[in-house]
Amino acid sequence: MKTLLLFFLFSLLIVFACKKKDNTPQGENEVWLLYKRFNPTVLNIKRGTTLTFINKDNANHTVTESNKKFSSGKIQSGNKYEFTFNDSTSYSIYCSYHPDNLQEQLYITVK
């Protein structure tokens, strides 16, 4: 029993020691995909703004517009996708890998 407890504690130590720390501040026109969430979840931007979507998670994600106006395809961990919003309208964006996750949605209004 004592060996099992030591193994468990050692495993936890390894997991936390190997976890990457990213202290980089988020840029003004960046959207982070982190822990199955978009950050931020609501944006108001000007027409012509280019947003950079950066996957800060350890899982694959997509940036998919609900009306199929655009989709990033698979964004692997550490990779990014850029899109320029030229139309004055509203966009509802989700991750196609997690379409039922209401937390992983982003709403953008372009003026």
Protein backbone atom coordinates (compact mmCIF):
# COMPACT_ATOMS: atom_id res chain seq x y z
CA MET A 1 0.00 0.00 0.00
CA LYS A 2 2.81 2.38 0.87
CA THR A 3 4.50 1.63 -2.48
CA LEU A 4 1.28 2.40 -4.35
CA LEU A 5 0.92 5.73 -2.53
CA LEU A 6 4.52 6.67 -3.31
CA PHE A 7 4.01 5.75 -6.97
CA PHE A 8 0.88 7.92 -7.11
CA LEU A 9 2.63 10.91 -5.51
CA PHE A 10 5.64 10.50 -7.82
CA SER A 11 3.31 10.38 -10.85
CA LEU A 12 1.62 13.61 -9.76
CA LEU A 13 5.00 15.25 -9.33
CA ILE A 14 6.00 14.29 -12.87
CA VAL A 15 2.74 15.57 -14.35
CA PHE A 16 3.04 18.97 -12.68
CA ALA A 17 6.77 19.27 -13.38
CA CYS A 18 6.25 18.61 -17.11
CA LYS A 19 3.37 21.04 -17.51
CA LYS A 20 4.34 23.95 -19.76
CA LYS A 21 4.07 27.43 -18.34
CA ASP A 22 3.23 30.11 -20.86
CA ASN A 23 3.44 33.55 -19.32
CA THR A 24 3.17 35.35 -22.66
CA PRO A 25 0.49 38.06 -22.48
CA GLN A 26 -2.39 37.71 -24.91
CA GLY A 27 -2.19 40.12 -27.85
CA GLU A 28 -4.93 42.60 -28.71
CA ASN A 29 -6.15 40.71 -31.79
CA GLU A 30 -5.53 37.20 -30.50
CA VAL A 31 -8.04 34.56 -29.56
CA TRP A 32 -6.65 31.68 -27.55
CA LEU A 33 -8.03 28.17 -27.69
CA LEU A 34 -7.28 27.01 -24.18
CA TYR A 35 -8.81 24.25 -22.05
CA LYS A 36 -11.59 23.68 -24.60
CA ARG A 37 -12.57 27.35 -24.49
CA PHE A 38 -12.13 30.37 -26.68
CA ASN A 39 -10.60 33.28 -24.83
CA PRO A 40 -12.23 35.77 -25.11
CA THR A 41 -15.72 34.45 -25.84
CA VAL A 42 -17.24 37.72 -27.12
CA LEU A 43 -15.54 40.28 -29.38
CA ASN A 44 -16.54 43.56 -31.00
CA ILE A 45 -14.10 44.47 -33.77
CA LYS A 46 -13.81 46.87 -36.69
CA ARG A 47 -14.21 45.73 -40.28
CA GLY A 48 -10.86 44.72 -41.75
CA THR A 49 -9.48 43.39 -38.46
CA THR A 50 -7.38 40.26 -38.68
CA LEU A 51 -7.69 37.93 -35.70
CA THR A 52 -5.07 35.33 -34.88
CA PHE A 53 -6.46 32.17 -33.30
CA ILE A 54 -3.74 30.37 -31.31
CA ASN A 55 -4.14 26.83 -29.98
CA LYS A 56 -2.68 26.96 -26.46
CA ASP A 57 -4.34 23.65 -25.54
CA ASN A 58 -2.88 20.15 -25.80
CA ALA A 59 -5.78 18.96 -27.99
CA ASN A 60 -6.59 19.73 -31.63
CA HIS A 61 -9.21 22.40 -32.31
CA THR A 62 -10.85 24.21 -35.22
CA VAL A 63 -12.22 27.69 -35.78
CA THR A 64 -15.45 27.02 -37.64
CA GLU A 65 -18.08 29.63 -38.49
CA SER A 66 -21.59 28.28 -37.87
CA ASN A 67 -22.86 29.30 -41.35
CA LYS A 68 -19.79 27.73 -43.02
CA LYS A 69 -18.36 31.10 -44.12
CA PHE A 70 -14.92 29.82 -43.12
CA SER A 71 -13.17 27.04 -41.25
CA SER A 72 -9.58 26.70 -40.17
CA GLY A 73 -9.31 22.95 -40.44
CA LYS A 74 -7.31 21.20 -37.73
CA ILE A 75 -5.19 23.52 -35.58
CA GLN A 76 -2.68 21.46 -33.66
CA SER A 77 -1.28 22.46 -30.28
CA GLY A 78 0.99 25.49 -30.64
CA ASN A 79 -0.23 26.35 -34.15
CA LYS A 80 -2.33 29.31 -35.25
CA TYR A 81 -4.90 30.41 -37.84
CA GLU A 82 -5.57 33.94 -39.07
CA PHE A 83 -8.76 35.35 -40.55
CA THR A 84 -9.59 38.88 -41.71
CA PHE A 85 -13.16 40.00 -41.02
CA ASN A 86 -14.20 42.23 -43.95
CA ASP A 87 -17.99 42.01 -43.64
CA SER A 88 -19.96 44.06 -41.12
CA THR A 89 -22.00 41.28 -39.57
CA SER A 90 -22.07 38.90 -36.62
CA TYR A 91 -20.24 35.59 -36.49
CA SER A 92 -20.85 32.57 -34.33
CA ILE A 93 -17.77 30.37 -34.11
CA TYR A 94 -17.28 26.93 -32.59
CA CYS A 95 -14.80 24.06 -32.56
CA SER A 96 -15.92 21.22 -34.85
CA TYR A 97 -14.16 18.69 -32.60
CA HIS A 98 -16.36 19.77 -29.68
CA PRO A 99 -19.59 21.09 -31.27
CA ASP A 100 -21.76 20.37 -28.22
CA ASN A 101 -19.46 22.20 -25.80
CA LEU A 102 -21.29 25.47 -25.17
CA GLN A 103 -18.19 26.86 -23.47
CA GLU A 104 -16.20 26.47 -26.67
CA GLN A 105 -18.04 29.09 -28.66
CA LEU A 106 -17.09 32.60 -29.73
CA TYR A 107 -19.35 35.46 -30.80
CA ILE A 108 -17.91 38.25 -32.93
CA THR A 109 -19.62 41.44 -34.03
CA VAL A 110 -17.94 43.36 -36.85
CA LYS A 111 -18.80 47.04 -37.34
